[in-house]
Amino acid sequence: MSVDDEKTTALREEQRRYRETHSRDGYPLGSPEYPDNRAGRRRLARTWRGHRD
């Protein structure tokens, strides 16, 4: 195994671990900061569209 193969394997393993512990939008799973309620999701969506509260 070459050094590049080892780096690629390590990177894939790191990405796999990240996917196991984070949601698709990057929040840690089970995180209290995740906008789990409707108001939080709407507020987050508004900020992404450039609107202000």
PDB file of N, CA and C in Angstrom:
ATOM      1  N   MET A   1       0.835  -1.186   0.000  1.00  0.00           N
ATOM      2  CA  MET A   1       0.000   0.000   0.000  1.00  0.00           C
ATOM      3  C   MET A   1       0.880   1.250   0.000  1.00  0.00           C
ATOM      4  N   SER A   2       0.601   2.158  -0.915  1.00  0.00           N
ATOM      5  CA  SER A   2       1.413   3.368  -0.989  1.00  0.00           C
ATOM      6  C   SER A   2       0.920   4.395   0.029  1.00  0.00           C
ATOM      7  N   VAL A   3       1.681   5.452   0.173  1.00  0.00           N
ATOM      8  CA  VAL A   3       1.326   6.524   1.104  1.00  0.00           C
ATOM      9  C   VAL A   3       0.011   7.176   0.680  1.00  0.00           C
ATOM     10  N   ASP A   4      -0.173   7.381  -0.629  1.00  0.00           N
ATOM     11  CA  ASP A   4      -1.417   7.979  -1.126  1.00  0.00           C
ATOM     12  C   ASP A   4      -2.622   7.099  -0.807  1.00  0.00           C
ATOM     13  N   ASP A   5      -2.464   5.784  -0.961  1.00  0.00           N
ATOM     14  CA  ASP A   5      -3.551   4.856  -0.635  1.00  0.00           C
ATOM     15  C   ASP A   5      -3.908   4.937   0.844  1.00  0.00           C
ATOM     16  N   GLU A   6      -2.893   5.044   1.691  1.00  0.00           N
ATOM     17  CA  GLU A   6      -3.140   5.136   3.133  1.00  0.00           C
ATOM     18  C   GLU A   6      -3.864   6.435   3.473  1.00  0.00           C
ATOM     19  N   LYS A   7      -3.468   7.538   2.828  1.00  0.00           N
ATOM     20  CA  LYS A   7      -4.136   8.824   3.065  1.00  0.00           C
ATOM     21  C   LYS A   7      -5.586   8.767   2.611  1.00  0.00           C
ATOM     22  N   THR A   8      -5.830   8.174   1.451  1.00  0.00           N
ATOM     23  CA  THR A   8      -7.187   8.056   0.923  1.00  0.00           C
ATOM     24  C   THR A   8      -8.041   7.194   1.839  1.00  0.00           C
ATOM     25  N   THR A   9      -7.482   6.092   2.305  1.00  0.00           N
ATOM     26  CA  THR A   9      -8.210   5.204   3.211  1.00  0.00           C
ATOM     27  C   THR A   9      -8.527   5.916   4.517  1.00  0.00           C
ATOM     28  N   ALA A  10      -7.569   6.649   5.054  1.00  0.00           N
ATOM     29  CA  ALA A  10      -7.789   7.388   6.300  1.00  0.00           C
ATOM     30  C   ALA A  10      -8.852   8.463   6.109  1.00  0.00           C
ATOM     31  N   LEU A  11      -8.819   9.146   4.974  1.00  0.00           N
ATOM     32  CA  LEU A  11      -9.806  10.184   4.690  1.00  0.00           C
ATOM     33  C   LEU A  11     -11.204   9.585   4.576  1.00  0.00           C
ATOM     34  N   ARG A  12     -11.311   8.462   3.876  1.00  0.00           N
ATOM     35  CA  ARG A  12     -12.616   7.796   3.747  1.00  0.00           C
ATOM     36  C   ARG A  12     -13.150   7.360   5.102  1.00  0.00           C
ATOM     37  N   GLU A  13     -12.273   6.839   5.937  1.00  0.00           N
ATOM     38  CA  GLU A  13     -12.683   6.411   7.278  1.00  0.00           C
ATOM     39  C   GLU A  13     -13.167   7.609   8.098  1.00  0.00           C
ATOM     40  N   GLU A  14     -12.468   8.721   7.995  1.00  0.00           N
ATOM     41  CA  GLU A  14     -12.863   9.943   8.708  1.00  0.00           C
ATOM     42  C   GLU A  14     -14.219  10.445   8.210  1.00  0.00           C
ATOM     43  N   GLN A  15     -14.421  10.422   6.898  1.00  0.00           N
ATOM     44  CA  GLN A  15     -15.701  10.852   6.330  1.00  0.00           C
ATOM     45  C   GLN A  15     -16.831   9.917   6.751  1.00  0.00           C
ATOM     46  N   ARG A  16     -16.563   8.629   6.798  1.00  0.00           N
ATOM     47  CA  ARG A  16     -17.580   7.659   7.221  1.00  0.00           C
ATOM     48  C   ARG A  16     -17.990   7.913   8.670  1.00  0.00           C
ATOM     49  N   ARG A  17     -16.993   8.153   9.541  1.00  0.00           N
ATOM     50  CA  ARG A  17     -17.294   8.438  10.943  1.00  0.00           C
ATOM     51  C   ARG A  17     -18.107   9.724  11.075  1.00  0.00           C
ATOM     52  N   TYR A  18     -17.763  10.740  10.275  1.00  0.00           N
ATOM     53  CA  TYR A  18     -18.503  12.007  10.307  1.00  0.00           C
ATOM     54  C   TYR A  18     -19.959  11.778   9.897  1.00  0.00           C
ATOM     55  N   ARG A  19     -20.166  11.001   8.823  1.00  0.00           N
ATOM     56  CA  ARG A  19     -21.536  10.732   8.356  1.00  0.00           C
ATOM     57  C   ARG A  19     -22.340   9.957   9.391  1.00  0.00           C
ATOM     58  N   GLU A  20     -21.690   9.103  10.157  1.00  0.00           N
ATOM     59  CA  GLU A  20     -22.393   8.332  11.186  1.00  0.00           C
ATOM     60  C   GLU A  20     -22.832   9.207  12.348  1.00  0.00           C
ATOM     61  N   THR A  21     -22.122  10.304  12.595  1.00  0.00           N
ATOM     62  CA  THR A  21     -22.402  11.119  13.777  1.00  0.00           C
ATOM     63  C   THR A  21     -23.030  12.473  13.466  1.00  0.00           C
ATOM     64  N   HIS A  22     -23.225  12.808  12.188  1.00  0.00           N
ATOM     65  CA  HIS A  22     -23.793  14.104  11.818  1.00  0.00           C
ATOM     66  C   HIS A  22     -24.929  13.919  10.822  1.00  0.00           C
ATOM     67  N   SER A  23     -25.890  14.831  10.880  1.00  0.00           N
ATOM     68  CA  SER A  23     -26.979  14.802   9.908  1.00  0.00           C
ATOM     69  C   SER A  23     -26.467  15.320   8.571  1.00  0.00           C
ATOM     70  N   ARG A  24     -27.306  15.224   7.553  1.00  0.00           N
ATOM     71  CA  ARG A  24     -26.874  15.632   6.209  1.00  0.00           C
ATOM     72  C   ARG A  24     -26.537  17.115   6.128  1.00  0.00           C
ATOM     73  N   ASP A  25     -27.159  17.934   6.985  1.00  0.00           N
ATOM     74  CA  ASP A  25     -26.872  19.365   6.929  1.00  0.00           C
ATOM     75  C   ASP A  25     -25.761  19.786   7.885  1.00  0.00           C
ATOM     76  N   GLY A  26     -25.049  18.828   8.469  1.00  0.00           N
ATOM     77  CA  GLY A  26     -23.847  19.144   9.225  1.00  0.00           C
ATOM     78  C   GLY A  26     -24.009  19.262  10.726  1.00  0.00           C
ATOM     79  N   TYR A  27     -25.230  19.168  11.243  1.00  0.00           N
ATOM     80  CA  TYR A  27     -25.408  19.228  12.688  1.00  0.00           C
ATOM     81  C   TYR A  27     -25.066  17.876  13.303  1.00  0.00           C
ATOM     82  N   PRO A  28     -24.446  17.892  14.494  1.00  0.00           N
ATOM     83  CA  PRO A  28     -24.227  16.624  15.184  1.00  0.00           C
ATOM     84  C   PRO A  28     -25.573  15.977  15.505  1.00  0.00           C
ATOM     85  N   LEU A  29     -25.675  14.667  15.333  1.00  0.00           N
ATOM     86  CA  LEU A  29     -26.931  13.981  15.630  1.00  0.00           C
ATOM     87  C   LEU A  29     -27.254  14.123  17.111  1.00  0.00           C
ATOM     88  N   GLY A  30     -28.511  14.422  17.412  1.00  0.00           N
ATOM     89  CA  GLY A  30     -28.934  14.594  18.795  1.00  0.00           C
ATOM     90  C   GLY A  30     -28.498  15.908  19.405  1.00  0.00           C
ATOM     91  N   SER A  31     -28.016  16.816  18.594  1.00  0.00           N
ATOM     92  CA  SER A  31     -27.523  18.091  19.090  1.00  0.00           C
ATOM     93  C   SER A  31     -28.674  18.994  19.521  1.00  0.00           C
ATOM     94  N   PRO A  32     -28.565  19.658  20.677  1.00  0.00           N
ATOM     95  CA  PRO A  32     -29.623  20.580  21.097  1.00  0.00           C
ATOM     96  C   PRO A  32     -29.704  21.815  20.203  1.00  0.00           C
ATOM     97  N   GLU A  33     -28.647  22.110  19.459  1.00  0.00           N
ATOM     98  CA  GLU A  33     -28.676  23.286  18.587  1.00  0.00           C
ATOM     99  C   GLU A  33     -29.384  23.004  17.262  1.00  0.00           C
ATOM    100  N   TYR A  34     -29.719  21.742  17.003  1.00  0.00           N
ATOM    101  CA  TYR A  34     -30.405  21.412  15.756  1.00  0.00           C
ATOM    102  C   TYR A  34     -31.814  21.994  15.778  1.00  0.00           C
ATOM    103  N   PRO A  35     -32.206  22.711  14.734  1.00  0.00           N
ATOM    104  CA  PRO A  35     -33.534  23.334  14.724  1.00  0.00           C
ATOM    105  C   PRO A  35     -34.627  22.286  14.542  1.00  0.00           C
ATOM    106  N   ASP A  36     -35.014  21.666  15.638  1.00  0.00           N
ATOM    107  CA  ASP A  36     -35.914  20.526  15.594  1.00  0.00           C
ATOM    108  C   ASP A  36     -37.385  20.935  15.511  1.00  0.00           C
ATOM    109  N   ASN A  37     -37.692  22.157  15.880  1.00  0.00           N
ATOM    110  CA  ASN A  37     -39.093  22.570  15.854  1.00  0.00           C
ATOM    111  C   ASN A  37     -39.394  23.384  14.601  1.00  0.00           C
ATOM    112  N   ARG A  38     -40.663  23.547  14.334  1.00  0.00           N
ATOM    113  CA  ARG A  38     -41.093  24.225  13.107  1.00  0.00           C
ATOM    114  C   ARG A  38     -40.580  25.667  13.051  1.00  0.00           C
ATOM    115  N   ALA A  39     -40.695  26.401  14.148  1.00  0.00           N
ATOM    116  CA  ALA A  39     -40.242  27.798  14.156  1.00  0.00           C
ATOM    117  C   ALA A  39     -38.742  27.878  13.883  1.00  0.00           C
ATOM    118  N   GLY A  40     -37.995  26.970  14.488  1.00  0.00           N
ATOM    119  CA  GLY A  40     -36.553  26.968  14.267  1.00  0.00           C
ATOM    120  C   GLY A  40     -36.200  26.658  12.825  1.00  0.00           C
ATOM    121  N   ARG A  41     -36.911  25.696  12.236  1.00  0.00           N
ATOM    122  CA  ARG A  41     -36.650  25.359  10.832  1.00  0.00           C
ATOM    123  C   ARG A  41     -37.014  26.523   9.924  1.00  0.00           C
ATOM    124  N   ARG A  42     -38.140  27.179  10.207  1.00  0.00           N
ATOM    125  CA  ARG A  42     -38.557  28.315   9.372  1.00  0.00           C
ATOM    126  C   ARG A  42     -37.564  29.466   9.497  1.00  0.00           C
ATOM    127  N   ARG A  43     -37.111  29.730  10.723  1.00  0.00           N
ATOM    128  CA  ARG A  43     -36.146  30.807  10.935  1.00  0.00           C
ATOM    129  C   ARG A  43     -34.851  30.493  10.186  1.00  0.00           C
ATOM    130  N   LEU A  44     -34.413  29.235  10.261  1.00  0.00           N
ATOM    131  CA  LEU A  44     -33.199  28.829   9.562  1.00  0.00           C
ATOM    132  C   LEU A  44     -33.383  28.970   8.054  1.00  0.00           C
ATOM    133  N   ALA A  45     -34.536  28.550   7.550  1.00  0.00           N
ATOM    134  CA  ALA A  45     -34.801  28.656   6.111  1.00  0.00           C
ATOM    135  C   ALA A  45     -34.795  30.115   5.669  1.00  0.00           C
ATOM    136  N   ARG A  46     -35.368  30.993   6.500  1.00  0.00           N
ATOM    137  CA  ARG A  46     -35.379  32.417   6.150  1.00  0.00           C
ATOM    138  C   ARG A  46     -33.963  32.980   6.071  1.00  0.00           C
ATOM    139  N   THR A  47     -33.109  32.566   6.997  1.00  0.00           N
ATOM    140  CA  THR A  47     -31.746  33.098   6.973  1.00  0.00           C
ATOM    141  C   THR A  47     -31.016  32.626   5.722  1.00  0.00           C
ATOM    142  N   TRP A  48     -31.300  31.390   5.277  1.00  0.00           N
ATOM    143  CA  TRP A  48     -30.634  30.896   4.077  1.00  0.00           C
ATOM    144  C   TRP A  48     -31.103  31.632   2.832  1.00  0.00           C
ATOM    145  N   ARG A  49     -32.333  32.100   2.835  1.00  0.00           N
ATOM    146  CA  ARG A  49     -32.842  32.821   1.674  1.00  0.00           C
ATOM    147  C   ARG A  49     -32.490  34.302   1.726  1.00  0.00           C
ATOM    148  N   GLY A  50     -31.840  34.718   2.805  1.00  0.00           N
ATOM    149  CA  GLY A  50     -31.420  36.106   2.901  1.00  0.00           C
ATOM    150  C   GLY A  50     -32.427  37.018   3.569  1.00  0.00           C
ATOM    151  N   HIS A  51     -33.496  36.468   4.143  1.00  0.00           N
ATOM    152  CA  HIS A  51     -34.490  37.282   4.839  1.00  0.00           C
ATOM    153  C   HIS A  51     -34.042  37.532   6.260  1.00  0.00           C
ATOM    154  N   ARG A  52     -34.615  38.550   6.866  1.00  0.00           N
ATOM    155  CA  ARG A  52     -34.314  38.848   8.263  1.00  0.00           C
ATOM    156  C   ARG A  52     -35.549  38.626   9.108  1.00  0.00           C
ATOM    157  N   ASP A  53     -35.331  38.257  10.368  1.00  0.00           N
ATOM    158  CA  ASP A  53     -36.463  38.108  11.299  1.00  0.00           C
ATOM    159  C   ASP A  53     -36.876  39.448  11.839  1.00  0.00           C
TER     160      ASP A  53
END
